[in-house]
Protein backbone atom coordinates (compact mmCIF):
# COMPACT_ATOMS: atom_id res chain seq x y z
CA MET A 1 30.27 -51.15 -13.08
CA TYR A 2 27.07 -50.35 -11.26
CA LYS A 3 28.29 -50.68 -7.67
CA ASN A 4 27.00 -47.15 -6.88
CA LEU A 5 23.41 -48.00 -7.74
CA ARG A 6 22.45 -48.43 -4.09
CA TRP A 7 23.40 -44.93 -2.99
CA LYS A 8 21.92 -43.46 -6.18
CA ALA A 9 18.63 -45.20 -5.47
CA LEU A 10 18.71 -43.93 -1.87
CA VAL A 11 19.30 -40.35 -3.09
CA ILE A 12 16.34 -40.56 -5.49
CA LEU A 13 14.12 -42.08 -2.80
CA ALA A 14 15.12 -39.43 -0.24
CA VAL A 15 14.49 -36.54 -2.66
CA THR A 16 11.12 -38.00 -3.63
CA VAL A 17 10.02 -38.51 -0.02
CA LEU A 18 11.11 -35.00 0.99
CA ALA A 19 9.23 -33.52 -1.97
CA VAL A 20 6.02 -35.41 -1.19
CA VAL A 21 6.20 -34.50 2.51
CA SER A 22 6.69 -30.84 1.56
CA PHE A 23 3.52 -30.50 -0.51
CA TRP A 24 1.18 -33.18 0.88
CA PRO A 25 -1.69 -32.59 1.35
CA PRO A 26 -1.73 -30.02 -1.49
CA SER A 27 -4.96 -28.40 -0.28
CA LYS A 28 -3.17 -27.22 2.87
CA LYS A 29 0.47 -26.82 1.90
CA VAL A 30 0.33 -25.42 -1.64
CA ARG A 31 -0.27 -21.67 -1.47
CA ARG A 32 -2.57 -20.47 -4.20
CA GLY A 33 -2.60 -17.05 -5.80
CA LEU A 34 -5.47 -14.68 -6.43
CA ASP A 35 -6.52 -16.34 -9.69
CA LEU A 36 -6.76 -19.78 -8.05
CA GLN A 37 -7.87 -18.95 -4.52
CA GLY A 38 -10.08 -15.93 -5.08
CA GLY A 39 -9.69 -12.63 -3.27
CA LEU A 40 -9.46 -8.93 -3.99
CA GLN A 41 -7.66 -6.93 -6.66
CA LEU A 42 -7.47 -3.13 -6.42
CA ILE A 43 -6.05 -0.42 -8.64
CA LEU A 44 -5.15 2.66 -6.56
CA GLN A 45 -4.38 6.15 -7.82
CA VAL A 46 -1.64 7.94 -5.86
CA HIS A 47 -2.24 11.70 -5.84
CA THR A 48 1.42 12.63 -6.10
CA ASP A 49 0.48 16.34 -6.12
CA ASP A 50 0.02 15.96 -2.35
CA ALA A 51 3.69 15.09 -1.84
CA VAL A 52 4.82 18.08 -3.92
CA ARG A 53 2.41 20.43 -2.15
CA ILE A 54 3.47 19.27 1.32
CA GLU A 55 7.13 19.88 0.48
CA THR A 56 6.33 23.37 -0.83
CA GLU A 57 4.22 24.31 2.19
CA THR A 58 6.73 22.87 4.66
CA THR A 59 9.65 24.71 3.06
CA SER A 60 7.73 27.98 3.02
CA GLU A 61 6.86 27.62 6.72
CA GLN A 62 10.47 26.77 7.59
CA LEU A 63 11.63 29.84 5.69
CA LYS A 64 9.18 32.04 7.61
CA VAL A 65 10.51 30.73 10.92
CA ALA A 66 14.12 31.21 9.76
CA LEU A 67 13.44 34.79 8.62
CA LYS A 68 11.81 35.59 11.94
CA THR A 69 14.76 34.09 13.83
CA ALA A 70 17.22 36.10 11.71
CA ASN A 71 15.17 39.32 12.20
CA VAL A 72 14.61 39.70 8.45
CA PRO A 73 11.32 41.60 7.90
CA TYR A 74 8.84 40.57 5.19
CA THR A 75 5.19 41.28 4.37
CA THR A 76 3.70 37.97 3.18
CA VAL A 77 4.63 34.43 2.23
CA THR A 78 2.01 32.85 -0.04
CA VAL A 79 1.73 29.51 -1.83
CA PRO A 80 0.02 30.14 -5.23
CA ASN A 81 0.35 26.54 -6.45
CA ILE A 82 1.70 23.15 -5.42
CA LYS A 83 5.30 23.80 -6.47
CA GLN A 84 5.77 27.53 -5.86
CA PHE A 85 5.76 29.96 -2.96
CA VAL A 86 6.22 33.72 -3.05
CA VAL A 87 7.88 36.06 -0.52
CA GLU A 88 7.03 39.74 -0.65
CA GLY A 89 7.95 42.88 1.28
CA VAL A 90 11.61 42.27 2.13
CA PRO A 91 13.32 45.69 2.46
CA ALA A 92 16.20 46.38 0.08
CA ALA A 93 18.50 46.85 3.07
CA ASN A 94 17.90 43.24 4.12
CA GLU A 95 18.09 41.75 0.63
CA GLN A 96 21.55 40.21 1.08
CA GLN A 97 20.64 38.68 4.42
CA PHE A 98 17.35 37.39 2.95
CA ARG A 99 19.18 35.70 0.08
CA GLN A 100 21.50 33.92 2.50
CA VAL A 101 18.68 32.68 4.71
CA ALA A 102 16.65 31.60 1.65
CA GLU A 103 19.63 29.74 0.20
CA ASP A 104 20.21 27.89 3.48
CA GLN A 105 16.54 26.88 3.81
CA SER A 106 15.50 26.14 0.22
CA GLY A 107 18.50 26.33 -2.10
CA VAL A 108 18.72 22.56 -2.56
CA LEU A 109 15.03 22.14 -3.42
CA PHE A 110 13.90 25.40 -5.05
CA ASP A 111 15.11 27.85 -7.67
CA ARG A 112 14.63 31.52 -6.74
CA SER A 113 13.76 34.34 -9.11
CA SER A 114 13.27 37.97 -8.05
CA VAL A 115 11.34 40.71 -9.85
CA GLY A 116 10.47 44.07 -8.30
CA GLY A 117 11.13 42.95 -4.74
CA VAL A 118 8.98 39.82 -5.11
CA SER A 119 10.88 36.53 -4.78
CA THR A 120 9.33 33.44 -6.35
CA PHE A 121 10.60 30.03 -5.31
CA THR A 122 9.93 27.21 -7.81
CA MET A 123 10.62 23.57 -7.06
CA LYS A 124 13.40 22.14 -9.21
CA PRO A 125 12.15 19.64 -11.86
CA ASN A 126 14.34 16.80 -10.59
CA ILE A 127 13.16 17.39 -7.02
CA GLU A 128 9.52 17.36 -8.14
CA ARG A 129 10.09 14.11 -10.05
CA ASP A 130 11.81 12.51 -7.04
CA HIS A 131 8.95 13.51 -4.73
CA ARG A 132 6.35 12.03 -7.07
CA LEU A 133 8.27 8.77 -7.48
CA GLY A 134 8.99 8.70 -3.77
CA ALA A 135 5.30 9.10 -2.96
CA VAL A 136 4.47 5.99 -5.01
CA THR A 137 7.35 3.99 -3.54
CA GLN A 138 6.52 4.98 0.04
CA SER A 139 2.84 4.22 -0.56
CA ILE A 140 3.73 0.72 -1.77
CA GLN A 141 5.90 0.13 1.30
CA THR A 142 3.22 1.43 3.67
CA ILE A 143 0.45 -0.62 2.04
CA ASP A 144 2.68 -3.70 2.16
CA ARG A 145 3.21 -3.28 5.92
CA ARG A 146 -0.53 -2.81 6.50
CA VAL A 147 -1.45 -5.83 4.38
CA ASN A 148 1.07 -7.97 6.25
CA GLU A 149 -0.63 -6.93 9.49
CA LEU A 150 -3.90 -8.25 8.01
CA GLY A 151 -2.32 -11.69 7.65
CA VAL A 152 -2.84 -11.98 3.88
CA SER A 153 -0.50 -14.60 2.41
CA GLU A 154 1.72 -13.56 -0.49
CA PRO A 155 0.05 -10.27 -1.50
CA ASN A 156 1.19 -8.61 -4.70
CA ILE A 157 1.71 -4.84 -4.37
CA ALA A 158 3.48 -3.15 -7.26
CA PRO A 159 3.51 -0.05 -9.50
CA TYR A 160 0.89 -0.12 -12.23
CA GLY A 161 0.09 1.84 -15.36
CA SER A 162 2.17 3.77 -17.87
CA ASN A 163 2.34 6.98 -15.82
CA GLY A 164 3.83 5.26 -12.78
CA ASP A 165 1.38 6.88 -10.34
CA GLN A 166 -0.90 3.88 -9.82
CA ILE A 167 -0.56 0.81 -7.62
CA ILE A 168 -2.00 -2.67 -8.09
CA VAL A 169 -2.87 -4.57 -4.90
CA GLU A 170 -3.75 -8.28 -5.07
CA LEU A 171 -4.92 -9.94 -1.84
CA PRO A 172 -5.48 -13.71 -2.26
CA GLY A 173 -8.02 -15.33 0.05
CA LEU A 174 -9.17 -12.05 1.62
CA VAL A 175 -12.58 -12.24 3.32
CA ASP A 176 -13.29 -8.79 4.84
CA VAL A 177 -13.02 -6.58 1.74
CA GLU A 178 -14.35 -3.34 3.26
CA LYS A 179 -11.99 -3.50 6.24
CA ALA A 180 -9.03 -4.06 3.94
CA LYS A 181 -9.98 -1.10 1.74
CA SER A 182 -10.42 1.12 4.80
CA LEU A 183 -7.02 0.25 6.27
CA ILE A 184 -5.17 0.43 2.95
CA GLY A 185 -6.54 3.82 1.97
CA GLN A 186 -6.49 5.54 5.35
CA THR A 187 -3.95 8.36 5.26
CA ALA A 188 -3.30 8.23 9.03
CA LEU A 189 -1.53 11.59 9.20
CA LEU A 190 -0.89 12.25 12.89
CA GLU A 191 0.08 15.77 14.01
CA LEU A 192 0.49 17.27 17.48
CA LYS A 193 0.04 21.06 17.42
CA ILE A 194 -0.14 23.78 20.05
CA VAL A 195 -3.61 25.32 20.44
CA GLU A 196 -3.81 29.13 20.45
CA GLY A 197 -7.60 29.41 20.61
CA GLN A 198 -10.82 27.41 20.87
CA ALA A 199 -14.45 28.33 20.13
CA ALA A 200 -17.80 26.85 19.19
CA ASP A 201 -17.75 28.53 15.76
CA GLU A 202 -15.13 29.91 13.40
CA LYS A 203 -16.34 33.51 13.61
CA SER A 204 -15.89 33.66 17.37
CA LEU A 205 -12.54 31.92 17.06
CA LEU A 206 -11.14 34.55 14.65
CA ALA A 207 -12.70 37.62 16.31
CA ALA A 208 -9.46 38.53 18.08
CA SER A 209 -7.51 38.50 14.78
CA GLY A 210 -9.98 40.61 12.82
CA GLY A 211 -11.78 37.67 11.23
CA THR A 212 -8.70 36.39 9.39
CA VAL A 213 -6.46 33.44 10.10
CA PRO A 214 -2.97 34.57 11.20
CA ALA A 215 -0.22 33.67 8.73
CA ASP A 216 1.41 31.08 10.99
CA MET A 217 -1.89 29.55 12.17
CA GLU A 218 -4.66 27.38 10.78
CA VAL A 219 -8.19 26.42 11.81
CA VAL A 220 -8.95 22.75 12.50
CA LYS A 221 -12.29 21.24 13.49
CA GLY A 222 -12.78 18.44 15.96
CA SER A 223 -14.31 17.31 19.23
CA SER A 224 -14.44 19.59 22.27
CA GLY A 225 -11.67 17.75 24.05
CA ASN A 226 -13.86 16.87 27.03
CA ARG A 227 -14.45 13.20 27.68
CA GLY A 228 -17.70 11.95 26.18
CA ASP A 229 -18.46 15.32 24.54
CA THR A 230 -18.65 15.11 20.74
CA THR A 231 -19.74 18.73 20.20
CA LEU A 232 -18.09 20.25 17.12
CA THR A 233 -15.38 22.70 18.14
CA TYR A 234 -13.06 24.95 16.16
CA TYR A 235 -9.37 25.21 17.10
CA LEU A 236 -6.80 27.79 16.11
CA VAL A 237 -3.52 25.88 16.05
CA ARG A 238 0.02 26.59 14.97
CA LYS A 239 0.57 25.57 11.37
CA VAL A 240 3.87 23.81 12.01
CA ALA A 241 3.37 20.54 13.90
CA ALA A 242 5.39 19.94 17.04
CA VAL A 243 5.39 16.19 16.44
CA THR A 244 4.14 14.11 13.48
CA GLY A 245 3.47 10.45 12.80
CA ASN A 246 6.97 10.16 11.34
CA ASP A 247 8.30 10.58 14.88
CA LEU A 248 6.50 7.43 16.09
CA SER A 249 8.36 4.16 16.58
CA ASN A 250 5.37 2.07 17.70
CA ALA A 251 1.62 2.23 18.42
CA LYS A 252 -0.69 -0.29 20.06
CA PRO A 253 -4.18 -0.50 21.59
CA GLY A 254 -4.51 0.30 25.29
CA ILE A 255 -6.92 1.26 28.07
CA ASP A 256 -7.05 4.73 29.64
CA GLN A 257 -7.69 5.62 33.29
CA TYR A 258 -11.44 5.47 32.70
CA ASN A 259 -11.19 1.92 31.35
CA ALA A 260 -11.97 3.10 27.81
CA PRO A 261 -10.03 2.09 24.66
CA ASN A 262 -7.17 4.35 23.62
CA VAL A 263 -4.01 4.27 21.52
CA ARG A 264 -0.63 4.18 23.21
CA PHE A 265 2.36 5.25 21.16
CA THR A 266 6.12 5.46 21.61
CA LEU A 267 8.24 8.21 20.10
CA LYS A 268 11.62 7.89 18.42
CA SER A 269 14.58 9.64 20.03
CA GLN A 270 14.24 12.75 17.84
CA GLY A 271 10.51 12.77 18.55
CA VAL A 272 11.16 12.71 22.29
CA ALA A 273 13.48 15.71 21.96
CA LYS A 274 10.90 17.72 19.99
CA PHE A 275 8.03 16.66 22.29
CA SER A 276 10.00 17.60 25.41
CA ALA A 277 10.95 21.00 23.98
CA VAL A 278 7.42 21.94 22.89
CA THR A 279 5.74 20.81 26.13
CA THR A 280 8.36 22.59 28.23
CA ALA A 281 7.80 25.87 26.34
CA ASN A 282 3.99 25.62 26.39
CA VAL A 283 2.99 24.51 29.90
CA GLY A 284 -0.65 25.47 30.53
CA LYS A 285 -1.66 25.40 26.88
CA GLN A 286 -3.61 22.72 25.04
CA LEU A 287 -1.94 20.25 22.71
CA ALA A 288 -4.23 19.26 19.84
CA ILE A 289 -3.88 15.65 18.67
CA ILE A 290 -4.90 15.85 15.02
CA LEU A 291 -5.55 12.75 12.92
CA ASP A 292 -6.16 13.21 9.19
CA GLY A 293 -6.99 16.90 9.63
CA ARG A 294 -9.40 16.51 12.56
CA VAL A 295 -8.82 17.07 16.28
CA VAL A 296 -9.55 13.86 18.21
CA SER A 297 -8.50 15.26 21.59
CA ALA A 298 -6.85 18.38 23.03
CA PRO A 299 -5.41 17.73 26.51
CA ASN A 300 -3.79 20.45 28.61
CA ILE A 301 -0.02 20.42 29.07
CA GLN A 302 0.24 20.41 32.86
CA SER A 303 4.01 19.90 32.99
CA PRO A 304 6.90 19.14 30.61
CA ILE A 305 6.63 15.63 29.12
CA LEU A 306 10.08 14.06 28.94
CA SER A 307 9.23 10.40 28.31
CA ALA A 308 8.93 8.54 25.01
CA ASP A 309 5.46 7.17 25.81
CA ALA A 310 2.17 9.00 25.21
CA GLU A 311 -1.44 8.18 24.37
CA ILE A 312 -4.35 9.28 22.19
CA THR A 313 -7.70 9.34 23.92
CA GLY A 314 -11.13 9.98 22.44
CA THR A 315 -14.50 8.42 21.78
CA PHE A 316 -13.10 5.27 20.15
CA THR A 317 -14.47 1.76 19.93
CA GLN A 318 -12.15 -1.19 20.49
CA GLN A 319 -12.09 -1.93 16.74
CA GLU A 320 -11.32 1.71 15.88
CA VAL A 321 -8.44 1.69 18.34
CA SER A 322 -7.09 -1.53 16.84
CA ASP A 323 -7.31 -0.18 13.29
CA LEU A 324 -5.82 3.20 14.24
CA SER A 325 -2.91 1.52 16.01
CA LEU A 326 -2.23 -0.55 12.90
CA VAL A 327 -2.12 2.40 10.48
CA LEU A 328 -0.01 4.51 12.86
CA ARG A 329 2.37 1.63 13.46
CA THR A 330 2.85 1.01 9.74
CA GLY A 331 3.35 4.67 8.91
CA ALA A 332 1.33 7.41 7.27
CA LEU A 333 0.72 7.45 3.55
CA PRO A 334 2.64 10.27 1.85
CA ALA A 335 -0.26 11.11 -0.48
CA HIS A 336 -3.99 10.62 -0.81
CA LEU A 337 -5.20 7.43 -2.52
CA THR A 338 -8.35 6.84 -4.51
CA TYR A 339 -9.72 3.53 -5.75
CA GLN A 340 -9.82 3.37 -9.55
CA GLU A 341 -10.86 -0.25 -10.06
CA GLN A 342 -11.85 -3.19 -7.90
CA TRP A 343 -12.36 -6.86 -8.70
CA GLU A 344 -13.52 -9.48 -6.26
CA ILE A 345 -12.63 -12.94 -7.52
CA GLY A 346 -14.71 -15.75 -6.07
CA PRO A 347 -13.29 -19.14 -5.03
CA THR A 348 -15.49 -20.91 -7.62
CA LEU A 349 -13.55 -19.29 -10.45
CA GLY A 350 -10.34 -20.30 -8.69
CA ALA A 351 -11.50 -23.92 -8.32
CA ASP A 352 -12.41 -24.05 -12.01
CA SER A 353 -8.96 -22.72 -12.90
CA VAL A 354 -7.28 -25.38 -10.75
CA LYS A 355 -9.32 -28.17 -12.36
CA ALA A 356 -8.63 -26.85 -15.85
CA GLY A 357 -4.90 -26.57 -15.12
CA LEU A 358 -4.67 -30.06 -13.65
CA MET A 359 -6.62 -31.48 -16.58
CA ALA A 360 -4.31 -29.75 -19.07
CA SER A 361 -1.23 -31.05 -17.22
CA ALA A 362 -2.58 -34.62 -17.10
CA ILE A 363 -3.52 -34.59 -20.80
CA GLY A 364 -0.14 -33.14 -21.74
CA LEU A 365 1.74 -35.73 -19.69
CA GLY A 366 -0.42 -38.54 -21.13
CA LEU A 367 0.08 -37.50 -24.74
CA VAL A 368 3.85 -37.13 -24.50
CA THR A 369 4.05 -40.48 -22.70
CA LEU A 370 2.15 -42.18 -25.55
CA PHE A 371 4.49 -40.55 -28.05
CA MET A 372 7.60 -41.64 -26.16
CA LEU A 373 6.31 -45.21 -25.86
CA ALA A 374 5.48 -45.33 -29.56
CA TYR A 375 8.77 -43.84 -30.72
CA TYR A 376 11.24 -45.12 -28.12
CA ARG A 377 9.37 -48.26 -27.04
CA LEU A 378 10.14 -49.39 -23.47
CA ALA A 379 12.56 -46.49 -22.96
CA GLY A 380 9.47 -44.30 -23.01
CA ILE A 381 8.62 -45.67 -19.54
CA ASN A 382 11.94 -44.27 -18.37
CA ALA A 383 10.94 -40.84 -19.77
CA PHE A 384 7.52 -41.00 -18.07
CA VAL A 385 9.06 -41.79 -14.66
CA SER A 386 11.62 -39.02 -15.13
CA VAL A 387 9.01 -36.37 -16.05
CA ALA A 388 6.56 -37.45 -13.32
CA LEU A 389 9.28 -37.29 -10.68
CA ASN A 390 10.26 -33.89 -12.07
CA LEU A 391 6.75 -32.57 -11.34
CA ILE A 392 6.76 -34.07 -7.83
CA ILE A 393 10.09 -32.41 -7.01
CA LEU A 394 8.86 -29.12 -8.45
CA MET A 395 5.78 -29.23 -6.22
CA GLY A 396 8.02 -29.91 -3.24
CA PHE A 397 10.24 -26.94 -4.11
CA MET A 398 7.25 -24.62 -4.45
CA SER A 399 5.73 -25.67 -1.14
CA TYR A 400 9.01 -25.64 0.80
CA ILE A 401 9.90 -22.03 -0.11
CA GLY A 402 6.27 -20.89 0.23
CA ALA A 403 5.94 -19.85 -3.42
CA VAL A 404 2.44 -19.06 -4.62
CA MET A 405 0.84 -21.21 -7.29
CA THR A 406 -0.92 -19.14 -9.95
CA LEU A 407 -2.61 -19.92 -13.25
CA PRO A 408 0.53 -18.83 -15.18
CA GLY A 409 2.42 -21.05 -12.73
CA ILE A 410 0.37 -24.02 -13.93
CA ALA A 411 1.42 -23.02 -17.46
CA GLY A 412 4.98 -23.26 -16.14
CA PHE A 413 4.20 -26.81 -15.00
CA ILE A 414 3.08 -27.75 -18.49
CA LEU A 415 6.20 -26.14 -19.96
CA THR A 416 8.27 -28.17 -17.47
CA ILE A 417 6.75 -31.35 -18.94
CA GLY A 418 7.89 -30.21 -22.37
CA MET A 419 11.39 -29.40 -21.09
CA GLY A 420 11.61 -32.84 -19.45
CA VAL A 421 10.58 -34.62 -22.64
CA ASP A 422 13.01 -32.49 -24.68
CA SER A 423 15.91 -33.49 -22.40
CA ASN A 424 15.01 -37.18 -22.67
CA VAL A 425 14.77 -36.94 -26.46
CA LEU A 426 18.28 -35.44 -26.60
CA ILE A 427 19.63 -38.27 -24.44
CA PHE A 428 17.82 -41.05 -26.29
CA GLU A 429 18.87 -39.79 -29.73
CA ARG A 430 22.48 -39.55 -28.60
CA ILE A 431 22.37 -43.12 -27.29
CA ARG A 432 20.92 -44.27 -30.64
CA GLU A 433 23.81 -42.61 -32.45
CA GLU A 434 26.31 -44.39 -30.21
CA LEU A 435 24.55 -47.74 -30.76
CA ALA A 436 24.71 -47.18 -34.52
CA THR A 437 28.54 -47.23 -34.33
CA ASN A 438 28.35 -50.84 -33.09
CA LYS A 439 29.48 -49.98 -29.59
CA GLY A 440 28.28 -52.11 -26.72
CA VAL A 441 25.05 -51.17 -24.94
CA ARG A 442 26.78 -50.15 -21.73
CA GLN A 443 29.41 -48.09 -23.57
CA SER A 444 26.71 -46.42 -25.71
CA LEU A 445 24.65 -45.62 -22.64
CA ALA A 446 27.59 -44.05 -20.80
CA ALA A 447 28.75 -42.10 -23.87
CA GLY A 448 25.22 -40.87 -24.62
CA PHE A 449 24.70 -39.40 -21.13
CA ASP A 450 28.23 -38.02 -20.82
CA ARG A 451 28.22 -36.21 -24.18
CA VAL A 452 24.76 -34.71 -23.82
CA PHE A 453 25.30 -33.53 -20.24
CA ILE A 454 27.01 -30.24 -21.19
CA THR A 455 24.26 -29.47 -23.73
CA ILE A 456 21.50 -30.00 -21.15
CA VAL A 457 23.26 -27.91 -18.51
CA ASP A 458 23.92 -25.11 -21.01
CA THR A 459 20.31 -24.88 -22.21
CA HIS A 460 18.92 -25.07 -18.68
CA VAL A 461 21.26 -22.41 -17.27
CA SER A 462 20.31 -20.07 -20.13
CA SER A 463 16.61 -20.64 -19.44
CA MET A 464 17.15 -20.11 -15.69
CA ILE A 465 18.78 -16.74 -16.38
CA SER A 466 15.74 -15.77 -18.48
CA ALA A 467 13.43 -16.89 -15.67
CA ALA A 468 15.43 -14.83 -13.15
CA PHE A 469 15.03 -11.71 -15.30
CA LEU A 470 11.29 -12.37 -15.66
CA TYR A 471 11.00 -12.59 -11.88
CA GLN A 472 13.13 -9.51 -11.24
CA PHE A 473 11.36 -7.18 -13.67
CA GLY A 474 7.93 -8.80 -13.87
CA SER A 475 5.05 -8.67 -11.43
CA GLY A 476 2.09 -10.82 -10.42
CA PRO A 477 1.38 -13.51 -13.06
CA ILE A 478 4.78 -13.13 -14.73
CA ARG A 479 6.55 -13.79 -11.43
CA GLY A 480 4.36 -16.83 -10.83
CA PHE A 481 5.36 -18.26 -14.21
CA ALA A 482 9.04 -17.41 -13.68
CA THR A 483 9.11 -19.10 -10.25
CA THR A 484 7.63 -22.34 -11.55
CA LEU A 485 9.91 -22.33 -14.60
CA PHE A 486 13.06 -21.70 -12.52
CA PHE A 487 12.54 -24.55 -10.07
CA GLY A 488 11.20 -26.81 -12.83
CA LEU A 489 14.49 -26.38 -14.67
CA ILE A 490 16.49 -27.31 -11.57
CA ALA A 491 14.37 -30.40 -11.04
CA ASN A 492 14.65 -31.35 -14.71
CA VAL A 493 18.45 -31.43 -14.69
CA PHE A 494 18.33 -33.84 -11.75
CA THR A 495 15.69 -36.15 -13.23
CA ALA A 496 16.85 -36.13 -16.87
CA VAL A 497 20.51 -36.77 -16.11
CA PHE A 498 20.66 -38.49 -12.71
CA VAL A 499 17.33 -40.32 -12.40
CA SER A 500 17.03 -41.41 -16.03
CA ARG A 501 20.58 -42.74 -16.09
CA THR A 502 20.06 -44.59 -12.82
CA LEU A 503 16.96 -46.29 -14.23
CA PHE A 504 18.84 -47.46 -17.31
CA GLU A 505 21.74 -48.72 -15.17
CA PHE A 506 19.34 -50.54 -12.88
CA ILE A 507 17.75 -52.38 -15.85
CA LEU A 508 21.16 -53.35 -17.24
CA SER A 509 22.39 -54.47 -13.83
CA ARG A 510 19.65 -57.12 -13.77
CA LYS A 511 21.18 -58.87 -16.79
CA PRO A 512 23.39 -61.90 -15.95
CA ALA A 513 27.11 -61.42 -16.44
CA GLY A 514 28.21 -62.44 -19.92
CA ALA A 515 24.66 -62.56 -21.29
CA PRO A 516 23.93 -60.55 -24.46
CA VAL A 517 22.48 -57.16 -23.61
CA LYS A 518 19.87 -55.33 -25.67
CA LEU A 519 18.47 -51.87 -25.08
CA SER A 520 14.94 -51.21 -26.28
CA ILE A 521 15.27 -47.66 -27.61
């Protein structure tokens, strides 16, 4: 009857060995979360107004260029607030043409209203909502790429707060807090713009235009553009950027011709086309390289640049070049971030949490073992082995997939002990019922396991579905608990049904043939 015991024992042994190898030694192979390892937790505020404002300003500038191309005269285009721009001075004779150009450029994004020859363009509510949500989503993706570059294991980066415009960032085991904050929050907005004027002060710069900034220009401060010269200089540049950081495909540290650190970047195909066109049309002029609203260098365009490779030179240190390359490579943030809250969790607190969790698990396992021994006598040993092996397999699962152990995860361990005991109780009570009908021990054992199998699978599958939903819609601690619970349930089905039954069969197989058989349960 028990001729398959050998292969069953080999399967149990193999699973146990694989599990132990996966997580041993625990100090090196079990990845701990922020609450157990220590690290940094940040709450960031995403200024979603920036994303709305940029869309409004960009659309207004594109409309100005389109009107100029279509020879439609106008007086002014102003931006009174973050979601509106106003066009004035379009002659009545050009009104139909103006409407067509405006519809082509902004009809999808903005609603237009016209009163007394003044057209007001207001961003549609659904477009504004999408831009705000998109700013948060893109910020999370950008921060995630930057954090991965830092080498932080299993960071948690997710939306936070009831308004949906905050982000929680958890970085377990982080050492250099200030560097992480600097890289996470750096906007890294790269723009390449044609220079129309340069002067030591703003008054001199705007003298030719009557002291006012031309409508399609803006003033940007920065270095003089000469190597080693950090004198503050004012530049009059075109408002619309020729190339932006969105056109970059890669960025990395390099060395310039003077053996000084610089940033080398590669443009995407559309970036190459735009870069080639603007350098071809502006040979002899300066091209300002603007990072986060400040000119870092302004080289002369000596000839058309047709390649995908370019570089940013300036008075950088090697560390600044490395950091700048990282933020450019991972993409610019779509909106400004500010730090709302910050917690630095020390490793001592984490160590105390680990000790407390292990103590709670050991006490829980000990108490349920004593109960099982008292109530089910020697069969309680079977339950103890089953539950202990369940925890070993669970640890192996967690380590093999690289899941992070958190304090709620330890709570999941303790719940797994309860689930294991519950499954054994169901099996033992069913066997007792079968024995009460005066069936033989072997028949009662087989019937008990067979009839309770569907019940165990049903309850465990239902709990696994709940754990999957917790993981999908939860974050941080909830996901840690859901992960432990999910794999604990898988391990429990194996140990409660397969391992426990094998142990009973092994004990019965040691009885001589024909001898009376008793089951202590």
